Structures are given as structure tokens and as C-alpha cells.
């Protein structure tokens, strides 16, 4: 969880190595999206719904890929 001004940001981070057959983003299937969305909704209800400094909650995703000693990070705001 992070803050970007009045927005609470939940970030799903997925990591893959050079031998992986899919990207980090490709590994976020419908079941995983549902689980993250439910967790974010619970966080909103239980912690931020009545916080006047928070306007909304957003779910982002990050894909980290390691290959040949290099690290590549892709980031998507409002991923799902």
C-alpha cells in the first residue's frame, strides 16, 4: 500500500525470471485479480472509508523481470 496525495494505492507486484514462459502481468489471472480487488475493498472499508484525507483507492500492478543480470520493471496505474 502506498499514498499518492489523496489516493491510496494498492500495488500487486509480480516477479519472473529469464526462464519463465510468461510475464509478471501475464501471471495475474482473473482469480488473482478478484483476490486483490477483495483485499483492497476490505482495506477501504476497514481503514480508509472515513478518513477525510483519502478520496479514493486505486489498484496498480508492477511486473519485475530478471534476465542476464538486468532488471526490468514495468508499472501500470489502475491496472484492474
N, C-alpha and C. Protein backbone atom coordinates (compact mmCIF):
# COMPACT_ATOMS: atom_id res chain seq x y z
N UNK A 1 0.83 -1.16 0.00
CA UNK A 1 0.00 0.00 0.00
C UNK A 1 0.89 1.23 0.00
N UNK A 2 0.47 2.24 -0.73
CA UNK A 2 1.20 3.50 -0.81
C UNK A 2 0.19 4.63 -0.91
N UNK A 3 0.68 5.84 -0.79
CA UNK A 3 -0.18 7.01 -0.94
C UNK A 3 0.35 7.87 -2.08
N UNK A 4 -0.55 8.40 -2.85
CA UNK A 4 -0.23 9.38 -3.89
C UNK A 4 -1.20 10.54 -3.66
N UNK A 5 -0.80 11.42 -2.76
CA UNK A 5 -1.69 12.51 -2.35
C UNK A 5 -2.92 11.95 -1.66
N UNK A 6 -4.11 12.28 -2.16
CA UNK A 6 -5.33 11.80 -1.52
C UNK A 6 -5.76 10.40 -1.97
N UNK A 7 -4.91 9.74 -2.74
CA UNK A 7 -5.25 8.42 -3.28
C UNK A 7 -4.43 7.34 -2.55
N UNK A 8 -5.10 6.31 -2.07
CA UNK A 8 -4.44 5.14 -1.51
C UNK A 8 -4.21 4.18 -2.67
N UNK A 9 -2.99 3.68 -2.80
CA UNK A 9 -2.64 2.81 -3.93
C UNK A 9 -2.23 1.44 -3.41
N UNK A 10 -2.94 0.42 -3.88
CA UNK A 10 -2.59 -0.97 -3.61
C UNK A 10 -1.83 -1.45 -4.85
N UNK A 11 -0.65 -2.04 -4.65
CA UNK A 11 0.17 -2.47 -5.79
C UNK A 11 0.39 -3.97 -5.73
N UNK A 12 -0.01 -4.67 -6.78
CA UNK A 12 0.27 -6.10 -6.92
C UNK A 12 1.58 -6.22 -7.69
N UNK A 13 2.59 -6.81 -7.08
CA UNK A 13 3.91 -6.95 -7.69
C UNK A 13 4.13 -8.41 -8.06
N UNK A 14 4.45 -8.65 -9.32
CA UNK A 14 4.72 -10.00 -9.80
C UNK A 14 6.14 -10.03 -10.36
N UNK A 15 6.84 -11.13 -10.08
CA UNK A 15 8.24 -11.25 -10.47
C UNK A 15 8.43 -12.52 -11.31
N UNK A 16 9.24 -12.42 -12.34
CA UNK A 16 9.54 -13.56 -13.19
C UNK A 16 11.02 -13.54 -13.57
N UNK A 17 11.56 -14.75 -13.75
CA UNK A 17 12.95 -14.91 -14.17
C UNK A 17 13.05 -15.12 -15.66
N UNK A 18 14.27 -15.28 -16.14
CA UNK A 18 14.51 -15.39 -17.59
C UNK A 18 13.94 -16.67 -18.19
N UNK A 19 13.72 -17.71 -17.39
CA UNK A 19 13.19 -18.96 -17.92
C UNK A 19 11.67 -19.05 -17.85
N UNK A 20 11.04 -18.02 -17.39
CA UNK A 20 9.58 -18.03 -17.26
C UNK A 20 8.93 -17.96 -18.64
N UNK A 21 7.79 -18.63 -18.77
CA UNK A 21 7.07 -18.63 -20.05
C UNK A 21 6.07 -17.49 -20.16
N UNK A 22 5.91 -16.71 -19.10
CA UNK A 22 5.00 -15.56 -19.14
C UNK A 22 5.61 -14.38 -18.40
N UNK A 23 5.03 -13.23 -18.59
CA UNK A 23 5.48 -12.04 -17.87
C UNK A 23 4.80 -11.97 -16.51
N UNK A 24 5.22 -11.05 -15.70
CA UNK A 24 4.55 -10.84 -14.42
C UNK A 24 3.10 -10.46 -14.62
N UNK A 25 2.84 -9.59 -15.60
CA UNK A 25 1.46 -9.20 -15.88
C UNK A 25 0.64 -10.39 -16.38
N UNK A 26 1.27 -11.23 -17.16
CA UNK A 26 0.58 -12.41 -17.69
C UNK A 26 0.18 -13.39 -16.60
N UNK A 27 0.84 -13.31 -15.46
CA UNK A 27 0.53 -14.23 -14.37
C UNK A 27 -0.61 -13.75 -13.48
N UNK A 28 -1.14 -12.57 -13.76
CA UNK A 28 -2.27 -12.05 -12.97
C UNK A 28 -3.55 -12.48 -13.67
N UNK A 29 -4.05 -13.63 -13.27
CA UNK A 29 -5.27 -14.14 -13.89
C UNK A 29 -6.52 -13.59 -13.20
N UNK A 30 -7.68 -14.00 -13.67
CA UNK A 30 -8.95 -13.49 -13.13
C UNK A 30 -9.09 -13.80 -11.64
N UNK A 31 -8.67 -14.98 -11.22
CA UNK A 31 -8.77 -15.35 -9.81
C UNK A 31 -7.90 -14.44 -8.94
N UNK A 32 -6.69 -14.14 -9.40
CA UNK A 32 -5.79 -13.27 -8.65
C UNK A 32 -6.34 -11.85 -8.60
N UNK A 33 -6.85 -11.35 -9.72
CA UNK A 33 -7.45 -10.01 -9.73
C UNK A 33 -8.60 -9.91 -8.74
N UNK A 34 -9.43 -10.93 -8.68
CA UNK A 34 -10.54 -10.94 -7.74
C UNK A 34 -10.05 -10.90 -6.30
N UNK A 35 -9.03 -11.70 -5.98
CA UNK A 35 -8.48 -11.72 -4.62
C UNK A 35 -7.89 -10.36 -4.23
N UNK A 36 -7.17 -9.73 -5.14
CA UNK A 36 -6.57 -8.42 -4.85
C UNK A 36 -7.67 -7.38 -4.70
N UNK A 37 -8.66 -7.41 -5.58
CA UNK A 37 -9.76 -6.47 -5.50
C UNK A 37 -10.52 -6.60 -4.18
N UNK A 38 -10.78 -7.83 -3.76
CA UNK A 38 -11.48 -8.05 -2.48
C UNK A 38 -10.65 -7.54 -1.30
N UNK A 39 -9.35 -7.79 -1.34
CA UNK A 39 -8.47 -7.30 -0.26
C UNK A 39 -8.45 -5.78 -0.22
N UNK A 40 -8.42 -5.15 -1.39
CA UNK A 40 -8.42 -3.69 -1.46
C UNK A 40 -9.75 -3.13 -0.95
N UNK A 41 -10.84 -3.77 -1.30
CA UNK A 41 -12.15 -3.33 -0.82
C UNK A 41 -12.24 -3.44 0.71
N UNK A 42 -11.71 -4.52 1.24
CA UNK A 42 -11.69 -4.70 2.70
C UNK A 42 -10.83 -3.63 3.37
N UNK A 43 -9.68 -3.33 2.79
CA UNK A 43 -8.82 -2.28 3.31
C UNK A 43 -9.55 -0.95 3.31
N UNK A 44 -10.26 -0.65 2.23
CA UNK A 44 -11.02 0.59 2.14
C UNK A 44 -12.08 0.66 3.25
N UNK A 45 -12.87 -0.40 3.36
CA UNK A 45 -13.95 -0.41 4.36
C UNK A 45 -13.44 -0.28 5.78
N UNK A 46 -12.38 -1.01 6.09
CA UNK A 46 -11.92 -1.10 7.48
C UNK A 46 -10.97 0.01 7.89
N UNK A 47 -10.34 0.68 6.92
CA UNK A 47 -9.33 1.67 7.31
C UNK A 47 -9.51 3.06 6.71
N UNK A 48 -9.94 3.16 5.47
CA UNK A 48 -9.88 4.46 4.79
C UNK A 48 -11.23 5.10 4.45
N UNK A 49 -12.32 4.38 4.56
CA UNK A 49 -13.62 4.90 4.14
C UNK A 49 -13.98 6.21 4.85
N UNK A 50 -13.63 6.33 6.12
CA UNK A 50 -13.99 7.52 6.89
C UNK A 50 -12.81 8.46 7.11
N UNK A 51 -11.72 8.24 6.40
CA UNK A 51 -10.54 9.10 6.51
C UNK A 51 -10.72 10.29 5.55
N UNK A 52 -10.86 11.47 6.10
CA UNK A 52 -11.11 12.67 5.28
C UNK A 52 -9.95 13.01 4.35
N UNK A 53 -8.74 12.51 4.64
CA UNK A 53 -7.59 12.81 3.79
C UNK A 53 -7.49 11.90 2.57
N UNK A 54 -8.38 10.92 2.47
CA UNK A 54 -8.36 9.96 1.37
C UNK A 54 -9.60 10.14 0.50
N UNK A 55 -9.39 10.32 -0.79
CA UNK A 55 -10.51 10.48 -1.72
C UNK A 55 -10.94 9.17 -2.35
N UNK A 56 -9.95 8.31 -2.66
CA UNK A 56 -10.28 7.05 -3.33
C UNK A 56 -9.12 6.07 -3.21
N UNK A 57 -9.36 4.85 -3.70
CA UNK A 57 -8.36 3.79 -3.70
C UNK A 57 -8.16 3.33 -5.13
N UNK A 58 -6.92 3.04 -5.49
CA UNK A 58 -6.59 2.59 -6.85
C UNK A 58 -5.74 1.33 -6.73
N UNK A 59 -5.91 0.41 -7.67
CA UNK A 59 -5.10 -0.81 -7.71
C UNK A 59 -4.16 -0.74 -8.91
N UNK A 60 -2.87 -0.76 -8.65
CA UNK A 60 -1.84 -0.77 -9.70
C UNK A 60 -1.19 -2.14 -9.75
N UNK A 61 -0.38 -2.37 -10.76
CA UNK A 61 0.37 -3.62 -10.89
C UNK A 61 1.77 -3.32 -11.38
N UNK A 62 2.72 -4.11 -10.90
CA UNK A 62 4.12 -3.98 -11.33
C UNK A 62 4.62 -5.36 -11.75
N UNK A 63 5.38 -5.39 -12.82
CA UNK A 63 5.98 -6.62 -13.31
C UNK A 63 7.50 -6.45 -13.27
N UNK A 64 8.17 -7.33 -12.54
CA UNK A 64 9.63 -7.29 -12.42
C UNK A 64 10.17 -8.51 -13.15
N UNK A 65 11.11 -8.28 -14.07
CA UNK A 65 11.67 -9.36 -14.88
C UNK A 65 13.20 -9.32 -14.79
N UNK A 66 13.79 -10.47 -14.46
CA UNK A 66 15.24 -10.59 -14.36
C UNK A 66 15.75 -11.40 -15.54
N UNK A 67 16.73 -10.82 -16.25
CA UNK A 67 17.31 -11.56 -17.38
C UNK A 67 18.73 -11.08 -17.63
N UNK A 68 19.66 -12.01 -17.64
CA UNK A 68 21.05 -11.70 -17.94
C UNK A 68 21.66 -10.66 -17.02
N UNK A 69 21.32 -10.67 -15.76
CA UNK A 69 21.87 -9.72 -14.80
C UNK A 69 21.18 -8.37 -14.81
N UNK A 70 20.22 -8.18 -15.70
CA UNK A 70 19.49 -6.92 -15.77
C UNK A 70 18.10 -7.08 -15.16
N UNK A 71 17.60 -6.01 -14.63
CA UNK A 71 16.26 -5.99 -14.07
C UNK A 71 15.41 -5.00 -14.84
N UNK A 72 14.23 -5.47 -15.26
CA UNK A 72 13.30 -4.58 -15.98
C UNK A 72 12.01 -4.51 -15.17
N UNK A 73 11.55 -3.30 -14.91
CA UNK A 73 10.33 -3.10 -14.15
C UNK A 73 9.33 -2.35 -15.02
N UNK A 74 8.14 -2.91 -15.15
CA UNK A 74 7.04 -2.27 -15.85
C UNK A 74 5.96 -1.97 -14.82
N UNK A 75 5.32 -0.82 -14.94
CA UNK A 75 4.34 -0.40 -13.94
C UNK A 75 3.09 0.11 -14.64
N UNK A 76 1.94 -0.34 -14.18
CA UNK A 76 0.68 0.10 -14.76
C UNK A 76 -0.24 0.66 -13.68
N UNK A 77 -0.62 1.91 -13.83
CA UNK A 77 -1.58 2.52 -12.91
C UNK A 77 -2.98 2.03 -13.27
N UNK A 78 -3.81 1.89 -12.25
CA UNK A 78 -5.20 1.45 -12.42
C UNK A 78 -5.27 0.20 -13.30
N UNK A 79 -4.47 -0.78 -12.94
CA UNK A 79 -4.33 -1.99 -13.77
C UNK A 79 -5.60 -2.81 -13.81
N UNK A 80 -6.32 -2.83 -12.71
CA UNK A 80 -7.60 -3.57 -12.69
C UNK A 80 -8.42 -3.14 -11.51
